[in-house]
Amino acid sequence: MQRKSLWGSYKSIPPRSRMFIGLAGMAFAAIGILVSDKIEEQYPVEQRVESVPIVIDRS
């Protein structure tokens, strides 16, 4: 038995199933973006302290 590559295994899945896998991935990404925005609203980033600038003397 010959082993299939990842692409070959994906292509052997029926087209309708591949469509649902793609849609599920996009839905997962969209939900992740929305959830991360809500979490960022609840826990805002604290103000960053100005750091001392780095000065390089090239003389």
C-alpha atoms as a PDB file:
ATOM      1  CA  MET A   1       0.000   0.000   0.000  1.00  0.00           C
ATOM      2  CA  GLN A   2       1.378   3.353  -1.021  1.00  0.00           C
ATOM      3  CA  ARG A   3       1.241   6.195   1.483  1.00  0.00           C
ATOM      4  CA  LYS A   4      -0.560   9.335   0.362  1.00  0.00           C
ATOM      5  CA  SER A   5       0.780  12.811   0.837  1.00  0.00           C
ATOM      6  CA  LEU A   6      -1.209  15.295   2.890  1.00  0.00           C
ATOM      7  CA  TRP A   7      -2.459  16.915  -0.317  1.00  0.00           C
ATOM      8  CA  GLY A   8      -3.410  13.517  -1.761  1.00  0.00           C
ATOM      9  CA  SER A   9      -5.322  12.634   1.392  1.00  0.00           C
ATOM     10  CA  TYR A  10      -7.124  15.985   1.283  1.00  0.00           C
ATOM     11  CA  LYS A  11      -8.012  15.550  -2.391  1.00  0.00           C
ATOM     12  CA  SER A  12      -9.450  12.077  -1.700  1.00  0.00           C
ATOM     13  CA  ILE A  13     -12.054  13.582   0.665  1.00  0.00           C
ATOM     14  CA  PRO A  14     -15.386  14.259  -1.093  1.00  0.00           C
ATOM     15  CA  PRO A  15     -15.740  17.866  -2.344  1.00  0.00           C
ATOM     16  CA  ARG A  16     -18.693  18.584  -0.062  1.00  0.00           C
ATOM     17  CA  SER A  17     -16.681  17.530   3.002  1.00  0.00           C
ATOM     18  CA  ARG A  18     -13.739  19.681   1.874  1.00  0.00           C
ATOM     19  CA  MET A  19     -16.119  22.626   1.574  1.00  0.00           C
ATOM     20  CA  PHE A  20     -17.369  22.077   5.137  1.00  0.00           C
ATOM     21  CA  ILE A  21     -13.795  21.786   6.419  1.00  0.00           C
ATOM     22  CA  GLY A  22     -12.936  25.112   4.763  1.00  0.00           C
ATOM     23  CA  LEU A  23     -16.054  26.828   6.087  1.00  0.00           C
ATOM     24  CA  ALA A  24     -15.392  25.484   9.585  1.00  0.00           C
ATOM     25  CA  GLY A  25     -11.848  26.860   9.444  1.00  0.00           C
ATOM     26  CA  MET A  26     -13.083  30.287   8.365  1.00  0.00           C
ATOM     27  CA  ALA A  27     -15.774  30.299  11.076  1.00  0.00           C
ATOM     28  CA  PHE A  28     -13.190  29.309  13.693  1.00  0.00           C
ATOM     29  CA  ALA A  29     -10.913  32.172  12.587  1.00  0.00           C
ATOM     30  CA  ALA A  30     -13.764  34.723  12.589  1.00  0.00           C
ATOM     31  CA  ILE A  31     -14.924  33.658  16.054  1.00  0.00           C
ATOM     32  CA  GLY A  32     -11.335  33.870  17.299  1.00  0.00           C
ATOM     33  CA  ILE A  33     -11.018  37.444  16.039  1.00  0.00           C
ATOM     34  CA  LEU A  34     -14.313  38.472  17.664  1.00  0.00           C
ATOM     35  CA  VAL A  35     -13.480  36.797  20.979  1.00  0.00           C
ATOM     36  CA  SER A  36     -10.014  38.347  21.093  1.00  0.00           C
ATOM     37  CA  ASP A  37     -11.529  41.796  20.508  1.00  0.00           C
ATOM     38  CA  LYS A  38     -13.966  41.280  23.402  1.00  0.00           C
ATOM     39  CA  ILE A  39     -11.169  40.088  25.701  1.00  0.00           C
ATOM     40  CA  GLU A  40      -9.057  43.100  24.732  1.00  0.00           C
ATOM     41  CA  GLU A  41     -11.959  45.415  25.648  1.00  0.00           C
ATOM     42  CA  GLN A  42     -12.265  43.763  29.069  1.00  0.00           C
ATOM     43  CA  TYR A  43      -8.528  43.764  29.774  1.00  0.00           C
ATOM     44  CA  PRO A  44      -7.031  46.812  28.045  1.00  0.00           C
ATOM     45  CA  VAL A  45      -3.305  47.120  27.553  1.00  0.00           C
ATOM     46  CA  GLU A  46      -1.675  49.255  30.226  1.00  0.00           C
ATOM     47  CA  GLN A  47       0.078  52.415  29.116  1.00  0.00           C
ATOM     48  CA  ARG A  48       3.609  51.659  28.105  1.00  0.00           C
ATOM     49  CA  VAL A  49       6.394  53.536  29.831  1.00  0.00           C
ATOM     50  CA  GLU A  50       8.587  55.635  27.561  1.00  0.00           C
ATOM     51  CA  SER A  51      11.940  53.963  27.347  1.00  0.00           C
ATOM     52  CA  VAL A  52      15.242  55.744  27.092  1.00  0.00           C
ATOM     53  CA  PRO A  53      16.165  56.182  23.425  1.00  0.00           C
ATOM     54  CA  ILE A  54      19.187  54.272  22.198  1.00  0.00           C
ATOM     55  CA  VAL A  55      21.866  56.639  20.935  1.00  0.00           C
ATOM     56  CA  ILE A  56      24.727  55.326  18.827  1.00  0.00           C
ATOM     57  CA  ASP A  57      27.749  57.614  18.638  1.00  0.00           C
ATOM     58  CA  ARG A  58      29.356  57.167  15.234  1.00  0.00           C
ATOM     59  CA  SER A  59      32.308  59.503  15.713  1.00  0.00           C
END
